N, C-alpha and C. Protein backbone atom coordinates (compact mmCIF):
# COMPACT_ATOMS: atom_id res chain seq x y z
N MET A 1 10.09 9.60 13.73
CA MET A 1 11.22 8.84 13.25
C MET A 1 11.33 9.04 11.74
N THR A 2 12.51 9.32 11.24
CA THR A 2 12.73 9.56 9.82
C THR A 2 13.47 8.38 9.20
N TYR A 3 12.99 7.96 8.03
CA TYR A 3 13.60 6.82 7.36
C TYR A 3 14.17 7.19 5.99
N GLY A 4 14.09 8.44 5.58
CA GLY A 4 14.52 8.82 4.25
C GLY A 4 13.38 8.64 3.26
N LYS A 5 13.70 8.75 2.00
CA LYS A 5 12.69 8.64 0.95
C LYS A 5 12.07 7.25 0.96
N LEU A 6 10.76 7.22 0.86
CA LEU A 6 10.02 5.96 0.84
C LEU A 6 9.80 5.53 -0.60
N THR A 7 10.01 4.27 -0.86
CA THR A 7 9.65 3.67 -2.15
C THR A 7 8.82 2.45 -1.87
N PHE A 8 7.92 2.14 -2.79
CA PHE A 8 7.09 0.97 -2.66
C PHE A 8 7.45 0.01 -3.79
N PRO A 9 8.31 -0.96 -3.54
CA PRO A 9 8.65 -1.90 -4.60
C PRO A 9 7.42 -2.70 -4.99
N PHE A 10 7.21 -2.86 -6.26
CA PHE A 10 6.02 -3.56 -6.73
C PHE A 10 6.22 -5.06 -6.62
N ASP A 11 5.21 -5.74 -6.10
CA ASP A 11 5.24 -7.20 -5.95
C ASP A 11 5.01 -7.85 -7.31
N ARG A 12 6.05 -8.41 -7.88
CA ARG A 12 5.94 -9.04 -9.19
C ARG A 12 5.67 -10.55 -9.09
N THR A 13 5.42 -11.04 -7.88
CA THR A 13 5.15 -12.47 -7.72
C THR A 13 3.72 -12.82 -8.07
N THR A 14 2.84 -11.83 -8.12
CA THR A 14 1.44 -12.05 -8.46
C THR A 14 1.26 -11.78 -9.95
N ALA A 15 0.74 -12.75 -10.67
CA ALA A 15 0.54 -12.59 -12.11
C ALA A 15 -0.66 -11.70 -12.36
N LEU A 16 -0.41 -10.56 -12.99
CA LEU A 16 -1.47 -9.62 -13.35
C LEU A 16 -1.36 -9.32 -14.84
N PRO A 17 -2.48 -8.99 -15.47
CA PRO A 17 -2.40 -8.56 -16.87
C PRO A 17 -1.48 -7.34 -16.97
N GLU A 18 -0.76 -7.22 -18.07
CA GLU A 18 0.25 -6.17 -18.24
C GLU A 18 -0.29 -4.77 -17.94
N GLY A 19 -1.44 -4.41 -18.45
CA GLY A 19 -2.00 -3.08 -18.22
C GLY A 19 -2.31 -2.83 -16.76
N VAL A 20 -2.81 -3.83 -16.07
CA VAL A 20 -3.14 -3.71 -14.65
C VAL A 20 -1.87 -3.54 -13.84
N GLN A 21 -0.86 -4.34 -14.13
CA GLN A 21 0.41 -4.25 -13.42
C GLN A 21 1.03 -2.87 -13.61
N GLN A 22 1.05 -2.38 -14.83
CA GLN A 22 1.64 -1.07 -15.11
C GLN A 22 0.88 0.04 -14.38
N GLU A 23 -0.45 -0.03 -14.38
CA GLU A 23 -1.25 0.99 -13.70
C GLU A 23 -1.00 0.98 -12.20
N ARG A 24 -0.85 -0.21 -11.61
CA ARG A 24 -0.58 -0.30 -10.17
C ARG A 24 0.81 0.23 -9.83
N GLU A 25 1.77 -0.04 -10.69
CA GLU A 25 3.11 0.50 -10.46
C GLU A 25 3.11 2.02 -10.50
N ILE A 26 2.39 2.60 -11.46
CA ILE A 26 2.28 4.05 -11.55
C ILE A 26 1.59 4.60 -10.31
N ALA A 27 0.52 3.93 -9.86
CA ALA A 27 -0.20 4.37 -8.67
C ALA A 27 0.73 4.36 -7.45
N LEU A 28 1.54 3.32 -7.31
CA LEU A 28 2.48 3.27 -6.18
C LEU A 28 3.51 4.39 -6.25
N GLU A 29 3.94 4.74 -7.46
CA GLU A 29 4.88 5.85 -7.61
C GLU A 29 4.24 7.16 -7.16
N TYR A 30 2.98 7.38 -7.53
CA TYR A 30 2.26 8.58 -7.10
C TYR A 30 2.13 8.62 -5.57
N LEU A 31 1.78 7.47 -4.98
CA LEU A 31 1.64 7.42 -3.53
C LEU A 31 2.96 7.69 -2.82
N ALA A 32 4.04 7.11 -3.33
CA ALA A 32 5.35 7.34 -2.72
C ALA A 32 5.73 8.81 -2.81
N GLU A 33 5.43 9.44 -3.95
CA GLU A 33 5.73 10.86 -4.12
C GLU A 33 4.94 11.72 -3.13
N ALA A 34 3.64 11.43 -2.99
CA ALA A 34 2.81 12.18 -2.05
C ALA A 34 3.26 11.94 -0.62
N TRP A 35 3.58 10.69 -0.30
CA TRP A 35 4.04 10.33 1.05
C TRP A 35 5.32 11.10 1.38
N ASN A 36 6.28 11.09 0.46
CA ASN A 36 7.55 11.77 0.70
C ASN A 36 7.36 13.27 0.83
N SER A 37 6.48 13.83 0.02
CA SER A 37 6.21 15.27 0.10
C SER A 37 5.61 15.63 1.46
N ALA A 38 4.64 14.86 1.92
CA ALA A 38 4.04 15.11 3.23
C ALA A 38 5.07 14.93 4.35
N SER A 39 5.90 13.92 4.22
CA SER A 39 6.93 13.67 5.22
C SER A 39 7.91 14.83 5.29
N GLU A 40 8.30 15.36 4.13
CA GLU A 40 9.19 16.51 4.10
C GLU A 40 8.55 17.74 4.74
N ASP A 41 7.22 17.82 4.68
CA ASP A 41 6.49 18.93 5.30
C ASP A 41 6.26 18.70 6.79
N GLY A 42 6.77 17.58 7.33
CA GLY A 42 6.70 17.33 8.76
C GLY A 42 5.54 16.46 9.22
N VAL A 43 4.78 15.91 8.29
CA VAL A 43 3.67 15.03 8.69
C VAL A 43 4.27 13.70 9.17
N ASP A 44 3.85 13.28 10.34
CA ASP A 44 4.34 12.04 10.96
C ASP A 44 3.96 10.82 10.12
N SER A 45 4.87 9.87 10.00
CA SER A 45 4.63 8.68 9.18
C SER A 45 3.45 7.85 9.69
N GLU A 46 3.24 7.83 11.01
CA GLU A 46 2.09 7.08 11.54
C GLU A 46 0.78 7.74 11.14
N ALA A 47 0.74 9.08 11.16
CA ALA A 47 -0.45 9.79 10.71
C ALA A 47 -0.70 9.55 9.23
N LEU A 48 0.37 9.54 8.44
CA LEU A 48 0.24 9.24 7.01
C LEU A 48 -0.31 7.84 6.79
N ALA A 49 0.21 6.89 7.55
CA ALA A 49 -0.24 5.50 7.39
C ALA A 49 -1.72 5.36 7.75
N HIS A 50 -2.15 5.97 8.83
CA HIS A 50 -3.56 5.90 9.22
C HIS A 50 -4.45 6.55 8.17
N ALA A 51 -4.04 7.71 7.66
CA ALA A 51 -4.82 8.39 6.63
C ALA A 51 -4.89 7.56 5.35
N ALA A 52 -3.79 6.95 4.98
CA ALA A 52 -3.76 6.12 3.77
C ALA A 52 -4.65 4.89 3.92
N LEU A 53 -4.59 4.25 5.09
CA LEU A 53 -5.46 3.09 5.33
C LEU A 53 -6.93 3.49 5.30
N PHE A 54 -7.26 4.61 5.94
CA PHE A 54 -8.65 5.06 5.93
C PHE A 54 -9.13 5.31 4.51
N ALA A 55 -8.33 6.04 3.74
CA ALA A 55 -8.71 6.36 2.35
C ALA A 55 -8.85 5.09 1.52
N ALA A 56 -7.93 4.16 1.69
CA ALA A 56 -7.97 2.92 0.91
C ALA A 56 -9.19 2.08 1.28
N ILE A 57 -9.42 1.89 2.58
CA ILE A 57 -10.53 1.05 3.01
C ILE A 57 -11.86 1.69 2.65
N ALA A 58 -11.99 3.00 2.84
CA ALA A 58 -13.24 3.68 2.50
C ALA A 58 -13.53 3.57 1.00
N THR A 59 -12.50 3.68 0.18
CA THR A 59 -12.68 3.54 -1.27
C THR A 59 -13.10 2.12 -1.64
N LEU A 60 -12.46 1.13 -1.04
CA LEU A 60 -12.82 -0.26 -1.32
C LEU A 60 -14.25 -0.56 -0.87
N VAL A 61 -14.65 -0.06 0.29
CA VAL A 61 -16.02 -0.28 0.77
C VAL A 61 -17.01 0.36 -0.20
N ARG A 62 -16.71 1.56 -0.65
CA ARG A 62 -17.59 2.23 -1.61
C ARG A 62 -17.72 1.41 -2.90
N ASP A 63 -16.61 0.84 -3.36
CA ASP A 63 -16.61 0.14 -4.64
C ASP A 63 -17.09 -1.31 -4.56
N TYR A 64 -16.83 -2.00 -3.44
CA TYR A 64 -17.11 -3.44 -3.35
C TYR A 64 -18.06 -3.84 -2.24
N GLY A 65 -18.33 -2.93 -1.31
CA GLY A 65 -19.23 -3.23 -0.22
C GLY A 65 -18.50 -3.68 1.04
N GLU A 66 -19.19 -3.55 2.15
CA GLU A 66 -18.59 -3.84 3.45
C GLU A 66 -18.21 -5.30 3.63
N ASP A 67 -19.09 -6.23 3.23
CA ASP A 67 -18.80 -7.65 3.44
C ASP A 67 -17.57 -8.11 2.67
N ALA A 68 -17.47 -7.72 1.41
CA ALA A 68 -16.32 -8.13 0.59
C ALA A 68 -15.02 -7.57 1.16
N VAL A 69 -15.05 -6.32 1.59
CA VAL A 69 -13.84 -5.70 2.13
C VAL A 69 -13.48 -6.31 3.48
N ALA A 70 -14.48 -6.60 4.30
CA ALA A 70 -14.21 -7.25 5.59
C ALA A 70 -13.53 -8.60 5.38
N ARG A 71 -13.96 -9.36 4.39
CA ARG A 71 -13.31 -10.65 4.09
C ARG A 71 -11.87 -10.43 3.63
N MET A 72 -11.66 -9.44 2.76
CA MET A 72 -10.32 -9.15 2.27
C MET A 72 -9.42 -8.72 3.42
N ILE A 73 -9.91 -7.83 4.27
CA ILE A 73 -9.13 -7.33 5.40
C ILE A 73 -8.79 -8.48 6.36
N GLY A 74 -9.68 -9.45 6.47
CA GLY A 74 -9.44 -10.60 7.33
C GLY A 74 -8.25 -11.44 6.91
N GLU A 75 -7.84 -11.31 5.65
CA GLU A 75 -6.69 -12.07 5.14
C GLU A 75 -5.36 -11.35 5.40
N ILE A 76 -5.42 -10.10 5.83
CA ILE A 76 -4.20 -9.31 5.98
C ILE A 76 -3.23 -9.89 7.01
N PRO A 77 -3.67 -10.37 8.20
CA PRO A 77 -2.69 -10.92 9.14
C PRO A 77 -1.83 -12.05 8.54
N THR A 78 -2.44 -12.92 7.77
CA THR A 78 -1.68 -14.00 7.13
C THR A 78 -0.68 -13.44 6.13
N ARG A 79 -1.10 -12.43 5.38
CA ARG A 79 -0.20 -11.82 4.40
C ARG A 79 0.94 -11.08 5.08
N ILE A 80 0.66 -10.44 6.22
CA ILE A 80 1.73 -9.78 6.97
C ILE A 80 2.73 -10.81 7.47
N ASP A 81 2.22 -11.89 8.04
CA ASP A 81 3.08 -12.96 8.55
C ASP A 81 3.95 -13.57 7.46
N SER A 82 3.43 -13.60 6.22
CA SER A 82 4.21 -14.19 5.12
C SER A 82 5.14 -13.18 4.45
N GLY A 83 5.15 -11.95 4.95
CA GLY A 83 6.09 -10.95 4.44
C GLY A 83 5.60 -10.12 3.28
N ASP A 84 4.34 -10.23 2.92
CA ASP A 84 3.82 -9.50 1.75
C ASP A 84 3.97 -7.99 1.87
N TYR A 85 4.02 -7.44 3.08
CA TYR A 85 4.07 -6.00 3.27
C TYR A 85 5.41 -5.53 3.82
N SER A 86 6.41 -6.39 3.84
CA SER A 86 7.73 -6.00 4.34
C SER A 86 8.51 -5.38 3.19
N LEU A 87 8.80 -4.07 3.32
CA LEU A 87 9.47 -3.35 2.23
C LEU A 87 10.92 -3.79 2.05
N ASP A 88 11.53 -4.34 3.09
CA ASP A 88 12.93 -4.76 2.96
C ASP A 88 13.07 -6.25 2.64
N ARG A 89 11.95 -6.89 2.30
CA ARG A 89 11.97 -8.31 1.98
C ARG A 89 12.73 -8.54 0.68
N VAL A 90 13.54 -9.58 0.65
CA VAL A 90 14.30 -9.92 -0.54
C VAL A 90 13.60 -11.08 -1.23
N LEU A 91 13.17 -10.85 -2.48
CA LEU A 91 12.54 -11.90 -3.28
C LEU A 91 13.59 -12.57 -4.14
N GLN A 92 13.54 -13.90 -4.18
CA GLN A 92 14.53 -14.62 -5.00
C GLN A 92 13.85 -15.43 -6.06
């Protein structure tokens, strides 16, 4: 299924120090660029999502340990239910 160019709008509802916020916005731009490039090359979006999740979780486990990441991952269902990961969500 094709959705066109993917963008990751940055969540500005969480207060972050200016440098951290800017670095995360740049990181999301890089990820969107890589995602779109792979998609244009025919890589399925579900395969991209699985690869991205694996890379992200493996990096977090390496940096913070399994227990800390397991606790963080345990909060994801609540965040999904509250719309934190909905790209078409309208913030007011």
